[in-house]
Amino acid sequence: MSNQQKYKTGVWVWLSRICIYLIGMVFLSLGIVLCVKSQLGISPISSIAYVSQFILPLSFGALTMLFHLANSVIQYVLEHKWLNIKIILQVPVAVLFGVIIDGLEQLIQIEPANVILKWILLIFSVFFTALGMVFMLNMKFVQNPPDGTVNLLSNMLKVEMGRVKIVYDVICVLISILLSLIFLHRIVGFGIATIFSAIFVGRTLSWMQGNVGACLRKRIPF
């Protein structure tokens, strides 16, 4: 293979990875929005941003962006590095997430009329959330800030990432409930979708990693 062919192949690989990564962001954002539209509650990772929109004059997407940026700050403080590129690059990712979520919320105008439709939206939410995570994780670019926090804590504490994720999700839910009670005097966002997402997103992700993820890794060389 000539140098020119190698260059073209390398460019194609990078462009393919970037496109798949961005598609993953859209899928993950779609999963978050569908969970909200299901009206059965909100996933743990989005619970703080969801409750905050009833307290602050900001959109769900903007608050999701701020929550992601807060996770980047936590990582920056914990790592004690003045210049950490992998964390700095999380900033545009957080901003893009916020923009995509707000765009999808405006685009998807669904008011489920019955319980069956609500559950269909919730199931699709879990599917797209896991699919988006698989696309993003396997392209090995910038981590989603909350996932970056979980990964960092896992490495620092020498504890399995899955266990840290469970604790992280529980803390997010508890904070959202506390905010609800203090500012709204009622619990907002917590529902069957919160528990369902906590149980099945991880399991769906594991299954997809062995199928969709394996296919991506096979077709897109690194």
N, C-alpha and C. Protein backbone atom coordinates (compact mmCIF):
# COMPACT_ATOMS: atom_id res chain seq x y z
N MET A 1 0.85 -1.20 0.00
CA MET A 1 0.00 0.00 0.00
C MET A 1 0.88 1.24 0.00
N SER A 2 0.62 2.17 -0.92
CA SER A 2 1.42 3.39 -1.01
C SER A 2 1.10 4.32 0.14
N ASN A 3 1.98 5.33 0.33
CA ASN A 3 1.77 6.30 1.40
C ASN A 3 0.46 7.07 1.19
N GLN A 4 0.14 7.36 -0.07
CA GLN A 4 -1.10 8.08 -0.37
C GLN A 4 -2.31 7.25 0.00
N GLN A 5 -2.25 5.95 -0.31
CA GLN A 5 -3.36 5.06 0.04
C GLN A 5 -3.52 4.94 1.55
N LYS A 6 -2.38 4.85 2.25
CA LYS A 6 -2.41 4.77 3.71
C LYS A 6 -3.02 6.04 4.31
N TYR A 7 -2.67 7.19 3.71
CA TYR A 7 -3.20 8.47 4.19
C TYR A 7 -4.72 8.52 4.01
N LYS A 8 -5.19 8.11 2.81
CA LYS A 8 -6.62 8.12 2.54
C LYS A 8 -7.36 7.17 3.47
N THR A 9 -6.75 6.00 3.70
CA THR A 9 -7.36 5.03 4.61
C THR A 9 -7.43 5.59 6.02
N GLY A 10 -6.35 6.24 6.46
CA GLY A 10 -6.32 6.83 7.80
C GLY A 10 -7.36 7.92 7.96
N VAL A 11 -7.51 8.76 6.94
CA VAL A 11 -8.50 9.84 6.98
C VAL A 11 -9.91 9.25 7.04
N TRP A 12 -10.15 8.20 6.23
CA TRP A 12 -11.47 7.57 6.22
C TRP A 12 -11.80 6.98 7.58
N VAL A 13 -10.82 6.35 8.21
CA VAL A 13 -11.03 5.75 9.53
C VAL A 13 -11.38 6.82 10.56
N TRP A 14 -10.63 7.92 10.57
CA TRP A 14 -10.89 8.98 11.53
C TRP A 14 -12.26 9.62 11.31
N LEU A 15 -12.60 9.87 10.05
CA LEU A 15 -13.91 10.45 9.75
C LEU A 15 -15.03 9.50 10.15
N SER A 16 -14.84 8.22 9.91
CA SER A 16 -15.84 7.22 10.28
C SER A 16 -16.03 7.18 11.79
N ARG A 17 -14.93 7.21 12.52
CA ARG A 17 -15.00 7.19 13.99
C ARG A 17 -15.70 8.43 14.53
N ILE A 18 -15.39 9.59 13.96
CA ILE A 18 -16.02 10.84 14.40
C ILE A 18 -17.52 10.80 14.14
N CYS A 19 -17.92 10.34 12.94
CA CYS A 19 -19.34 10.25 12.59
C CYS A 19 -20.08 9.30 13.53
N ILE A 20 -19.50 8.13 13.78
CA ILE A 20 -20.13 7.15 14.66
C ILE A 20 -20.23 7.70 16.09
N TYR A 21 -19.19 8.40 16.53
CA TYR A 21 -19.20 9.02 17.87
C TYR A 21 -20.34 10.03 17.98
N LEU A 22 -20.50 10.88 16.95
CA LEU A 22 -21.55 11.90 16.97
C LEU A 22 -22.93 11.26 16.90
N ILE A 23 -23.06 10.20 16.09
CA ILE A 23 -24.33 9.47 16.04
C ILE A 23 -24.65 8.89 17.42
N GLY A 24 -23.61 8.40 18.10
CA GLY A 24 -23.79 7.88 19.45
C GLY A 24 -24.30 8.95 20.40
N MET A 25 -23.79 10.18 20.27
CA MET A 25 -24.26 11.28 21.11
C MET A 25 -25.74 11.56 20.86
N VAL A 26 -26.14 11.51 19.58
CA VAL A 26 -27.55 11.74 19.24
C VAL A 26 -28.42 10.62 19.83
N PHE A 27 -27.99 9.37 19.69
CA PHE A 27 -28.74 8.24 20.24
C PHE A 27 -28.87 8.35 21.76
N LEU A 28 -27.76 8.68 22.43
CA LEU A 28 -27.78 8.80 23.88
C LEU A 28 -28.71 9.92 24.31
N SER A 29 -28.66 11.06 23.62
CA SER A 29 -29.55 12.18 23.92
C SER A 29 -31.00 11.79 23.66
N LEU A 30 -31.24 11.03 22.58
CA LEU A 30 -32.59 10.57 22.26
C LEU A 30 -33.12 9.67 23.37
N GLY A 31 -32.26 8.81 23.90
CA GLY A 31 -32.67 7.95 25.00
C GLY A 31 -33.10 8.75 26.22
N ILE A 32 -32.35 9.81 26.52
CA ILE A 32 -32.67 10.68 27.66
C ILE A 32 -34.02 11.37 27.44
N VAL A 33 -34.21 11.91 26.24
CA VAL A 33 -35.45 12.64 25.93
C VAL A 33 -36.66 11.71 25.94
N LEU A 34 -36.52 10.51 25.39
CA LEU A 34 -37.64 9.55 25.38
C LEU A 34 -38.03 9.14 26.79
N CYS A 35 -37.04 9.06 27.67
CA CYS A 35 -37.33 8.73 29.07
C CYS A 35 -38.19 9.83 29.70
N VAL A 36 -37.85 11.09 29.40
CA VAL A 36 -38.64 12.21 29.90
C VAL A 36 -40.06 12.16 29.32
N LYS A 37 -40.15 11.89 28.02
CA LYS A 37 -41.45 11.88 27.35
C LYS A 37 -42.35 10.73 27.82
N SER A 38 -41.74 9.68 28.37
CA SER A 38 -42.53 8.55 28.85
C SER A 38 -43.40 8.90 30.05
N GLN A 39 -43.01 9.95 30.76
CA GLN A 39 -43.74 10.41 31.95
C GLN A 39 -43.80 9.36 33.06
N LEU A 40 -42.81 8.46 33.04
CA LEU A 40 -42.75 7.43 34.09
C LEU A 40 -41.60 7.68 35.06
N GLY A 41 -40.97 8.82 34.92
CA GLY A 41 -39.82 9.14 35.74
C GLY A 41 -38.63 9.45 34.86
N ILE A 42 -37.49 9.64 35.47
CA ILE A 42 -36.28 10.00 34.74
C ILE A 42 -35.13 9.09 35.16
N SER A 43 -34.20 8.85 34.25
CA SER A 43 -33.05 7.99 34.57
C SER A 43 -32.20 8.67 35.64
N PRO A 44 -31.50 7.89 36.47
CA PRO A 44 -30.69 8.46 37.56
C PRO A 44 -29.70 9.52 37.10
N ILE A 45 -29.03 9.29 35.97
CA ILE A 45 -27.99 10.18 35.51
C ILE A 45 -28.53 11.55 35.12
N SER A 46 -29.84 11.61 34.77
CA SER A 46 -30.45 12.88 34.34
C SER A 46 -31.34 13.49 35.42
N SER A 47 -31.42 12.85 36.57
CA SER A 47 -32.39 13.26 37.59
C SER A 47 -32.13 14.66 38.14
N ILE A 48 -30.86 15.00 38.37
CA ILE A 48 -30.55 16.32 38.94
C ILE A 48 -30.91 17.43 37.95
N ALA A 49 -30.53 17.25 36.68
CA ALA A 49 -30.85 18.25 35.66
C ALA A 49 -32.36 18.37 35.48
N TYR A 50 -33.05 17.23 35.52
CA TYR A 50 -34.51 17.25 35.32
C TYR A 50 -35.22 18.04 36.42
N VAL A 51 -34.86 17.78 37.67
CA VAL A 51 -35.49 18.49 38.79
C VAL A 51 -35.13 19.97 38.76
N SER A 52 -33.89 20.26 38.39
CA SER A 52 -33.41 21.65 38.40
C SER A 52 -34.16 22.54 37.43
N GLN A 53 -34.74 21.96 36.35
CA GLN A 53 -35.46 22.78 35.38
C GLN A 53 -36.75 23.36 35.96
N PHE A 54 -37.24 22.74 37.06
CA PHE A 54 -38.42 23.27 37.73
C PHE A 54 -38.06 24.33 38.77
N ILE A 55 -36.76 24.48 39.00
CA ILE A 55 -36.28 25.42 40.01
C ILE A 55 -35.61 26.63 39.37
N LEU A 56 -34.84 26.39 38.31
CA LEU A 56 -34.08 27.44 37.64
C LEU A 56 -34.69 27.76 36.27
N PRO A 57 -34.52 28.99 35.80
CA PRO A 57 -35.08 29.39 34.49
C PRO A 57 -34.19 28.96 33.33
N LEU A 58 -33.87 27.67 33.30
CA LEU A 58 -33.02 27.12 32.25
C LEU A 58 -33.66 25.86 31.67
N SER A 59 -33.32 25.54 30.44
CA SER A 59 -33.88 24.36 29.79
C SER A 59 -33.22 23.09 30.32
N PHE A 60 -33.87 21.96 30.04
CA PHE A 60 -33.33 20.67 30.44
C PHE A 60 -31.97 20.42 29.80
N GLY A 61 -31.84 20.80 28.53
CA GLY A 61 -30.57 20.63 27.84
C GLY A 61 -29.46 21.47 28.45
N ALA A 62 -29.78 22.72 28.77
CA ALA A 62 -28.78 23.62 29.38
C ALA A 62 -28.34 23.09 30.74
N LEU A 63 -29.28 22.58 31.51
CA LEU A 63 -28.96 22.05 32.84
C LEU A 63 -28.19 20.74 32.74
N THR A 64 -28.48 19.94 31.71
CA THR A 64 -27.70 18.72 31.47
C THR A 64 -26.26 19.10 31.14
N MET A 65 -26.10 20.14 30.33
CA MET A 65 -24.77 20.63 30.00
C MET A 65 -24.02 21.07 31.27
N LEU A 66 -24.68 21.80 32.15
CA LEU A 66 -24.05 22.27 33.39
C LEU A 66 -23.70 21.10 34.30
N PHE A 67 -24.56 20.09 34.34
CA PHE A 67 -24.28 18.91 35.14
C PHE A 67 -23.05 18.19 34.62
N HIS A 68 -22.94 18.08 33.30
CA HIS A 68 -21.77 17.44 32.69
C HIS A 68 -20.51 18.25 32.96
N LEU A 69 -20.62 19.57 32.86
CA LEU A 69 -19.46 20.43 33.14
C LEU A 69 -19.04 20.30 34.61
N ALA A 70 -20.01 20.16 35.50
CA ALA A 70 -19.69 19.98 36.92
C ALA A 70 -18.91 18.69 37.13
N ASN A 71 -19.25 17.65 36.39
CA ASN A 71 -18.52 16.39 36.46
C ASN A 71 -17.09 16.55 35.95
N SER A 72 -16.92 17.36 34.92
CA SER A 72 -15.58 17.63 34.40
C SER A 72 -14.74 18.36 35.45
N VAL A 73 -15.36 19.31 36.15
CA VAL A 73 -14.66 20.04 37.21
C VAL A 73 -14.24 19.10 38.34
N ILE A 74 -15.15 18.18 38.71
CA ILE A 74 -14.84 17.21 39.76
C ILE A 74 -13.62 16.37 39.36
N GLN A 75 -13.59 15.93 38.12
CA GLN A 75 -12.44 15.15 37.63
C GLN A 75 -11.16 15.97 37.66
N TYR A 76 -11.29 17.22 37.23
CA TYR A 76 -10.12 18.11 37.18
C TYR A 76 -9.52 18.30 38.58
N VAL A 77 -10.40 18.49 39.56
CA VAL A 77 -9.94 18.69 40.95
C VAL A 77 -9.32 17.40 41.50
N LEU A 78 -9.95 16.26 41.23
CA LEU A 78 -9.45 15.00 41.77
C LEU A 78 -8.10 14.58 41.18
N GLU A 79 -7.86 14.94 39.91
CA GLU A 79 -6.62 14.52 39.26
C GLU A 79 -5.45 15.45 39.54
N HIS A 80 -5.71 16.65 40.05
CA HIS A 80 -4.64 17.58 40.43
C HIS A 80 -3.66 17.86 39.29
N LYS A 81 -4.18 18.05 38.09
CA LYS A 81 -3.32 18.39 36.95
C LYS A 81 -3.75 19.75 36.38
N TRP A 82 -2.75 20.60 36.11
CA TRP A 82 -3.08 21.92 35.59
C TRP A 82 -3.59 21.85 34.16
N LEU A 83 -3.03 20.94 33.37
CA LEU A 83 -3.43 20.82 31.98
C LEU A 83 -3.77 19.36 31.69
N ASN A 84 -5.06 19.09 31.64
CA ASN A 84 -5.53 17.73 31.40
C ASN A 84 -6.41 17.75 30.14
N ILE A 85 -5.82 17.38 29.02
CA ILE A 85 -6.50 17.50 27.73
C ILE A 85 -7.78 16.67 27.68
N LYS A 86 -7.72 15.44 28.22
CA LYS A 86 -8.89 14.56 28.11
C LYS A 86 -10.10 15.12 28.87
N ILE A 87 -9.84 15.92 29.92
CA ILE A 87 -10.94 16.55 30.65
C ILE A 87 -11.37 17.84 29.97
N ILE A 88 -10.41 18.60 29.47
CA ILE A 88 -10.73 19.84 28.76
C ILE A 88 -11.60 19.57 27.54
N LEU A 89 -11.33 18.45 26.85
CA LEU A 89 -12.11 18.10 25.67
C LEU A 89 -13.53 17.68 26.01
N GLN A 90 -13.79 17.42 27.29
CA GLN A 90 -15.15 17.09 27.70
C GLN A 90 -16.08 18.30 27.64
N VAL A 91 -15.50 19.49 27.67
CA VAL A 91 -16.30 20.73 27.66
C VAL A 91 -17.13 20.86 26.38
N PRO A 92 -16.52 20.79 25.18
CA PRO A 92 -17.37 20.85 23.98
C PRO A 92 -18.35 19.70 23.88
N VAL A 93 -17.98 18.53 24.41
CA VAL A 93 -18.91 17.39 24.41
C VAL A 93 -20.13 17.71 25.26
N ALA A 94 -19.90 18.32 26.43
CA ALA A 94 -21.01 18.70 27.32
C ALA A 94 -21.92 19.72 26.66
N VAL A 95 -21.33 20.70 26.00
CA VAL A 95 -22.11 21.74 25.32
C VAL A 95 -22.95 21.12 24.21
N LEU A 96 -22.34 20.24 23.43
CA LEU A 96 -23.05 19.60 22.31
C LEU A 96 -24.21 18.74 22.81
N PHE A 97 -23.99 18.05 23.93
CA PHE A 97 -25.06 17.25 24.53
C PHE A 97 -26.27 18.13 24.86
N GLY A 98 -26.00 19.28 25.48
CA GLY A 98 -27.08 20.19 25.85
C GLY A 98 -27.85 20.68 24.65
N VAL A 99 -27.14 21.03 23.59
CA VAL A 99 -27.78 21.52 22.36
C VAL A 99 -28.64 20.43 21.73
N ILE A 100 -28.10 19.20 21.65
CA ILE A 100 -28.84 18.10 21.02
C ILE A 100 -30.09 17.76 21.82
N ILE A 101 -29.97 17.72 23.14
CA ILE A 101 -31.13 17.39 23.99
C ILE A 101 -32.24 18.42 23.82
N ASP A 102 -31.88 19.70 23.84
CA ASP A 102 -32.91 20.75 23.65
C ASP A 102 -33.54 20.65 22.27
N GLY A 103 -32.72 20.35 21.26
CA GLY A 103 -33.24 20.21 19.90
C GLY A 103 -34.22 19.05 19.78
N LEU A 104 -33.87 17.92 20.38
CA LEU A 104 -34.74 16.74 20.32
C LEU A 104 -36.02 16.96 21.12
N GLU A 105 -35.92 17.67 22.24
CA GLU A 105 -37.13 17.95 23.03
C GLU A 105 -38.13 18.78 22.23
N GLN A 106 -37.61 19.73 21.44
CA GLN A 106 -38.48 20.55 20.61
C GLN A 106 -39.04 19.75 19.44
N LEU A 107 -38.23 18.83 18.93
CA LEU A 107 -38.61 18.05 17.75
C LEU A 107 -39.63 16.96 18.07
N ILE A 108 -39.43 16.31 19.21
CA ILE A 108 -40.30 15.18 19.59
C ILE A 108 -41.43 15.68 20.50
N GLN A 109 -42.55 15.89 19.91
CA GLN A 109 -43.72 16.37 20.66
C GLN A 109 -44.69 15.20 20.85
N ILE A 110 -44.41 14.39 21.86
CA ILE A 110 -45.24 13.21 22.13
C ILE A 110 -45.87 13.33 23.51
N GLU A 111 -47.17 13.13 23.56
CA GLU A 111 -47.89 13.08 24.84
C GLU A 111 -48.55 11.71 24.92
N PRO A 112 -47.89 10.73 25.56
CA PRO A 112 -48.45 9.36 25.61
C PRO A 112 -49.83 9.34 26.26
N ALA A 113 -50.77 8.75 25.53
CA ALA A 113 -52.16 8.78 25.98
C ALA A 113 -52.49 7.64 26.95
N ASN A 114 -51.66 6.60 26.96
CA ASN A 114 -51.95 5.47 27.84
C ASN A 114 -50.66 4.84 28.35
N VAL A 115 -50.82 3.92 29.27
CA VAL A 115 -49.67 3.28 29.91
C VAL A 115 -48.83 2.48 28.92
N ILE A 116 -49.48 1.85 27.96
CA ILE A 116 -48.75 1.03 26.98
C ILE A 116 -47.77 1.89 26.19
N LEU A 117 -48.23 3.05 25.72
CA LEU A 117 -47.36 3.95 24.96
C LEU A 117 -46.22 4.47 25.83
N LYS A 118 -46.52 4.72 27.09
CA LYS A 118 -45.48 5.19 28.02
C LYS A 118 -44.38 4.14 28.17
N TRP A 119 -44.78 2.88 28.28
CA TRP A 119 -43.80 1.79 28.43
C TRP A 119 -43.02 1.58 27.14
N ILE A 120 -43.67 1.77 26.00
CA ILE A 120 -42.96 1.66 24.72
C ILE A 120 -41.87 2.73 24.63
N LEU A 121 -42.20 3.95 25.03
CA LEU A 121 -41.21 5.03 25.03
C LEU A 121 -40.06 4.72 25.99
N LEU A 122 -40.38 4.16 27.15
CA LEU A 122 -39.35 3.82 28.13
C LEU A 122 -38.42 2.74 27.61
N ILE A 123 -38.98 1.72 26.97
CA ILE A 123 -38.16 0.63 26.41
C ILE A 123 -37.24 1.17 25.31
N PHE A 124 -37.78 2.02 24.44
CA PHE A 124 -36.95 2.64 23.40
C PHE A 124 -35.88 3.54 24.02
N SER A 125 -36.22 4.15 25.14
CA SER A 125 -35.26 5.00 25.85
C SER A 125 -34.06 4.19 26.30
N VAL A 126 -34.31 3.03 26.90
CA VAL A 126 -33.23 2.15 27.35
C VAL A 126 -32.40 1.68 26.16
N PHE A 127 -33.08 1.31 25.07
CA PHE A 127 -32.40 0.82 23.87
C PHE A 127 -31.45 1.88 23.30
N PHE A 128 -31.96 3.09 23.09
CA PHE A 128 -31.14 4.13 22.47
C PHE A 128 -30.05 4.64 23.42
N THR A 129 -30.33 4.64 24.72
CA THR A 129 -29.30 5.04 25.68
C THR A 129 -28.11 4.08 25.61
N ALA A 130 -28.41 2.79 25.65
CA ALA A 130 -27.34 1.78 25.59
C ALA A 130 -26.64 1.81 24.24
N LEU A 131 -27.39 1.95 23.16
CA LEU A 131 -26.80 1.99 21.82
C LEU A 131 -25.87 3.19 21.67
N GLY A 132 -26.32 4.35 22.15
CA GLY A 132 -25.48 5.54 22.09
C GLY A 132 -24.19 5.38 22.87
N MET A 133 -24.28 4.75 24.04
CA MET A 133 -23.09 4.51 24.86
C MET A 133 -22.11 3.58 24.14
N VAL A 134 -22.65 2.54 23.48
CA VAL A 134 -21.80 1.60 22.74
C VAL A 134 -21.07 2.31 21.61
N PHE A 135 -21.78 3.13 20.85
CA PHE A 135 -21.16 3.88 19.75
C PHE A 135 -20.04 4.78 20.27
N MET A 136 -20.31 5.50 21.36
CA MET A 136 -19.32 6.45 21.88
C MET A 136 -18.13 5.73 22.51
N LEU A 137 -18.39 4.72 23.31
CA LEU A 137 -17.31 4.03 24.01
C LEU A 137 -16.34 3.34 23.04
N ASN A 138 -16.88 2.73 21.99
CA ASN A 138 -16.03 1.96 21.09
C ASN A 138 -15.22 2.81 20.12
N MET A 139 -15.56 4.09 20.00
CA MET A 139 -14.76 4.98 19.16
C MET A 139 -13.55 5.55 19.93
N LYS A 140 -13.54 5.35 21.25
CA LYS A 140 -12.39 5.70 22.10
C LYS A 140 -11.95 7.15 21.94
N PHE A 141 -12.94 8.05 21.93
CA PHE A 141 -12.62 9.47 21.94
C PHE A 141 -12.79 10.01 23.36
N VAL A 142 -13.46 11.13 23.47
CA VAL A 142 -13.68 11.77 24.77
C VAL A 142 -14.82 11.07 25.50
N GLN A 143 -14.63 10.81 26.79
CA GLN A 143 -15.67 10.18 27.58
C GLN A 143 -16.79 11.15 27.89
N ASN A 144 -18.00 10.63 27.96
CA ASN A 144 -19.11 11.40 28.50
C ASN A 144 -18.74 11.79 29.93
N PRO A 145 -18.80 13.11 30.31
CA PRO A 145 -18.31 13.55 31.63
C PRO A 145 -18.77 12.72 32.83
N PRO A 146 -20.07 12.39 32.96
CA PRO A 146 -20.45 11.55 34.11
C PRO A 146 -19.76 10.19 34.11
N ASP A 147 -19.62 9.58 32.93
CA ASP A 147 -18.91 8.31 32.83
C ASP A 147 -17.44 8.48 33.18
N GLY A 148 -16.88 9.64 32.79
CA GLY A 148 -15.50 9.93 33.14
C GLY A 148 -15.29 10.02 34.64
N THR A 149 -16.25 10.61 35.34
CA THR A 149 -16.18 10.70 36.81
C THR A 149 -16.22 9.32 37.44
N VAL A 150 -17.15 8.48 36.96
CA VAL A 150 -17.28 7.11 37.49
C VAL A 150 -15.99 6.33 37.24
N ASN A 151 -15.45 6.45 36.03
CA ASN A 151 -14.21 5.74 35.68
C ASN A 151 -13.04 6.20 36.53
N LEU A 152 -12.94 7.51 36.75
CA LEU A 152 -11.85 8.05 37.57
C LEU A 152 -11.95 7.57 39.01
N LEU A 153 -13.15 7.63 39.58
CA LEU A 153 -13.34 7.17 40.96
C LEU A 153 -13.06 5.68 41.08
N SER A 154 -13.45 4.93 40.07
CA SER A 154 -13.18 3.49 40.05
C SER A 154 -11.68 3.22 40.11
N ASN A 155 -10.92 3.95 39.32
CA ASN A 155 -9.46 3.78 39.31
C ASN A 155 -8.81 4.24 40.61
N MET A 156 -9.30 5.33 41.15
CA MET A 156 -8.71 5.89 42.38
C MET A 156 -9.00 5.00 43.59
N LEU A 157 -10.23 4.49 43.65
CA LEU A 157 -10.65 3.70 44.81
C LEU A 157 -10.35 2.21 44.65
N LYS A 158 -9.90 1.83 43.42
CA LYS A 158 -9.62 0.43 43.12
C LYS A 158 -10.86 -0.45 43.34
N VAL A 159 -12.00 0.09 42.87
CA VAL A 159 -13.28 -0.61 43.00
C VAL A 159 -13.83 -0.80 41.59
N GLU A 160 -14.50 -1.93 41.38
CA GLU A 160 -15.08 -2.23 40.07
C GLU A 160 -15.99 -1.08 39.61
N MET A 161 -15.89 -0.74 38.32
CA MET A 161 -16.62 0.40 37.77
C MET A 161 -18.13 0.25 37.94
N GLY A 162 -18.64 -0.98 37.80
CA GLY A 162 -20.07 -1.22 37.94
C GLY A 162 -20.58 -0.85 39.32
N ARG A 163 -19.79 -1.15 40.34
CA ARG A 163 -20.20 -0.82 41.72
C ARG A 163 -20.17 0.68 41.96
N VAL A 164 -19.15 1.32 41.43
CA VAL A 164 -19.06 2.78 41.56
C VAL A 164 -20.24 3.44 40.85
N LYS A 165 -20.61 2.90 39.69
CA LYS A 165 -21.73 3.44 38.91
C LYS A 165 -23.02 3.36 39.71
N ILE A 166 -23.23 2.27 40.41
CA ILE A 166 -24.45 2.11 41.21
C ILE A 166 -24.50 3.17 42.30
N VAL A 167 -23.38 3.36 43.00
CA VAL A 167 -23.32 4.37 44.07
C VAL A 167 -23.52 5.76 43.50
N TYR A 168 -22.89 6.03 42.36
CA TYR A 168 -23.02 7.32 41.70
C TYR A 168 -24.49 7.61 41.35
N ASP A 169 -25.17 6.62 40.78
CA ASP A 169 -26.58 6.79 40.41
C ASP A 169 -27.45 7.03 41.63
N VAL A 170 -27.18 6.29 42.70
CA VAL A 170 -27.96 6.45 43.93
C VAL A 170 -27.78 7.86 44.49
N ILE A 171 -26.55 8.36 44.47
CA ILE A 171 -26.27 9.72 44.95
C ILE A 171 -27.02 10.76 44.12
N CYS A 172 -27.00 10.57 42.80
CA CYS A 172 -27.73 11.49 41.90
C CYS A 172 -29.22 11.52 42.23
N VAL A 173 -29.80 10.35 42.43
CA VAL A 173 -31.23 10.26 42.74
C VAL A 173 -31.52 10.91 44.09
N LEU A 174 -30.69 10.65 45.08
CA LEU A 174 -30.90 11.23 46.41
C LEU A 174 -30.80 12.75 46.37
N ILE A 175 -29.84 13.27 45.62
CA ILE A 175 -29.70 14.73 45.49
C ILE A 175 -30.94 15.32 44.81
N SER A 176 -31.43 14.65 43.77
CA SER A 176 -32.61 15.15 43.05
C SER A 176 -33.85 15.13 43.95
N ILE A 177 -33.98 14.08 44.76
CA ILE A 177 -35.11 14.01 45.69
C ILE A 177 -35.02 15.12 46.73
N LEU A 178 -33.81 15.35 47.23
CA LEU A 178 -33.60 16.41 48.22
C LEU A 178 -33.93 17.78 47.63
N LEU A 179 -33.48 18.03 46.42
CA LEU A 179 -33.80 19.30 45.75
C LEU A 179 -35.31 19.46 45.57
N SER A 180 -35.97 18.35 45.20
CA SER A 180 -37.42 18.38 45.01
C SER A 180 -38.15 18.76 46.29
N LEU A 181 -37.75 18.13 47.37
CA LEU A 181 -38.43 18.37 48.65
C LEU A 181 -38.18 19.78 49.17
N ILE A 182 -36.95 20.27 49.00
CA ILE A 182 -36.59 21.60 49.51
C ILE A 182 -37.27 22.71 48.71
N PHE A 183 -37.20 22.63 47.39
CA PHE A 183 -37.67 23.73 46.55
C PHE A 183 -39.09 23.55 46.01
N LEU A 184 -39.52 22.31 45.81
CA LEU A 184 -40.83 22.07 45.21
C LEU A 184 -41.83 21.45 46.19
N HIS A 185 -41.31 21.00 47.35
CA HIS A 185 -42.14 20.40 48.40
C HIS A 185 -42.87 19.14 47.93
N ARG A 186 -42.31 18.49 46.94
CA ARG A 186 -42.83 17.22 46.45
C ARG A 186 -41.71 16.53 45.67
N ILE A 187 -41.84 15.24 45.48
CA ILE A 187 -40.82 14.50 44.74
C ILE A 187 -41.13 14.55 43.25
N VAL A 188 -40.15 15.02 42.47
CA VAL A 188 -40.31 15.16 41.02
C VAL A 188 -39.27 14.29 40.32
N GLY A 189 -39.71 13.60 39.28
CA GLY A 189 -38.77 12.85 38.45
C GLY A 189 -38.59 11.40 38.84
N PHE A 190 -38.70 11.09 40.11
CA PHE A 190 -38.48 9.71 40.55
C PHE A 190 -39.71 8.87 40.22
N GLY A 191 -39.49 7.73 39.56
CA GLY A 191 -40.60 6.86 39.20
C GLY A 191 -40.09 5.51 38.76
N ILE A 192 -40.98 4.75 38.14
CA ILE A 192 -40.62 3.40 37.71
C ILE A 192 -39.50 3.45 36.67
N ALA A 193 -39.45 4.52 35.87
CA ALA A 193 -38.40 4.65 34.85
C ALA A 193 -37.02 4.78 35.50
N THR A 194 -36.96 5.38 36.67
CA THR A 194 -35.69 5.53 37.38
C THR A 194 -35.12 4.17 37.74
N ILE A 195 -35.96 3.31 38.27
CA ILE A 195 -35.53 1.97 38.66
C ILE A 195 -35.28 1.10 37.43
N PHE A 196 -36.20 1.18 36.46
CA PHE A 196 -36.09 0.39 35.24
C PHE A 196 -34.80 0.70 34.49
N SER A 197 -34.48 2.00 34.36
CA SER A 197 -33.26 2.41 33.67
C SER A 197 -32.02 1.95 34.41
N ALA A 198 -32.05 2.08 35.74
CA ALA A 198 -30.90 1.67 36.56
C ALA A 198 -30.61 0.18 36.39
N ILE A 199 -31.65 -0.63 36.24
CA ILE A 199 -31.48 -2.07 36.12
C ILE A 199 -31.10 -2.50 34.71
N PHE A 200 -31.77 -1.94 33.70
CA PHE A 200 -31.68 -2.49 32.35
C PHE A 200 -30.73 -1.77 31.39
N VAL A 201 -30.37 -0.53 31.66
CA VAL A 201 -29.44 0.15 30.76
C VAL A 201 -28.09 -0.56 30.76
N GLY A 202 -27.59 -0.88 31.95
CA GLY A 202 -26.30 -1.58 32.07
C GLY A 202 -26.33 -2.95 31.42
N ARG A 203 -27.41 -3.69 31.64
CA ARG A 203 -27.52 -5.03 31.06
C ARG A 203 -27.63 -4.98 29.54
N THR A 204 -28.40 -4.01 29.04
CA THR A 204 -28.52 -3.84 27.59
C THR A 204 -27.19 -3.42 26.99
N LEU A 205 -26.47 -2.56 27.71
CA LEU A 205 -25.15 -2.12 27.26
C LEU A 205 -24.19 -3.30 27.15
N SER A 206 -24.19 -4.16 28.15
CA SER A 206 -23.31 -5.34 28.13
C SER A 206 -23.62 -6.24 26.94
N TRP A 207 -24.91 -6.45 26.68
CA TRP A 207 -25.30 -7.29 25.55
C TRP A 207 -24.89 -6.66 24.22
N MET A 208 -25.11 -5.36 24.11
CA MET A 208 -24.77 -4.66 22.86
C MET A 208 -23.25 -4.60 22.64
N GLN A 209 -22.49 -4.52 23.71
CA GLN A 209 -21.04 -4.49 23.57
C GLN A 209 -20.53 -5.76 22.91
N GLY A 210 -21.16 -6.87 23.24
CA GLY A 210 -20.74 -8.14 22.68
C GLY A 210 -21.23 -8.38 21.27
N ASN A 211 -22.17 -7.55 20.81
CA ASN A 211 -22.73 -7.72 19.46
C ASN A 211 -22.46 -6.50 18.58
N VAL A 212 -23.12 -5.38 18.88
CA VAL A 212 -22.92 -4.16 18.10
C VAL A 212 -21.50 -3.65 18.26
N GLY A 213 -21.01 -3.64 19.50
CA GLY A 213 -19.66 -3.16 19.75
C GLY A 213 -18.61 -3.98 19.03
N ALA A 214 -18.78 -5.30 19.06
CA ALA A 214 -17.84 -6.18 18.36
C ALA A 214 -17.85 -5.93 16.86
N CYS A 215 -19.02 -5.69 16.31
CA CYS A 215 -19.15 -5.41 14.88
C CYS A 215 -18.46 -4.09 14.52
N LEU A 216 -18.64 -3.08 15.36
CA LEU A 216 -17.99 -1.79 15.11
C LEU A 216 -16.48 -1.91 15.15
N ARG A 217 -15.98 -2.62 16.16
CA ARG A 217 -14.53 -2.78 16.31
C ARG A 217 -13.93 -3.56 15.14
N LYS A 218 -14.73 -4.48 14.58
CA LYS A 218 -14.25 -5.29 13.47
C LYS A 218 -14.21 -4.49 12.17
N ARG A 219 -15.20 -3.64 11.97
CA ARG A 219 -15.32 -2.90 10.71
C ARG A 219 -14.52 -1.61 10.70
N ILE A 220 -14.31 -1.01 11.87
CA ILE A 220 -13.54 0.24 11.95
C ILE A 220 -12.20 -0.06 12.60
N PRO A 221 -11.13 -0.18 11.81
CA PRO A 221 -9.81 -0.47 12.39
C PRO A 221 -9.27 0.71 13.18
N PHE A 222 -8.43 0.41 14.18
CA PHE A 222 -7.84 1.46 15.02
C PHE A 222 -6.33 1.42 14.87
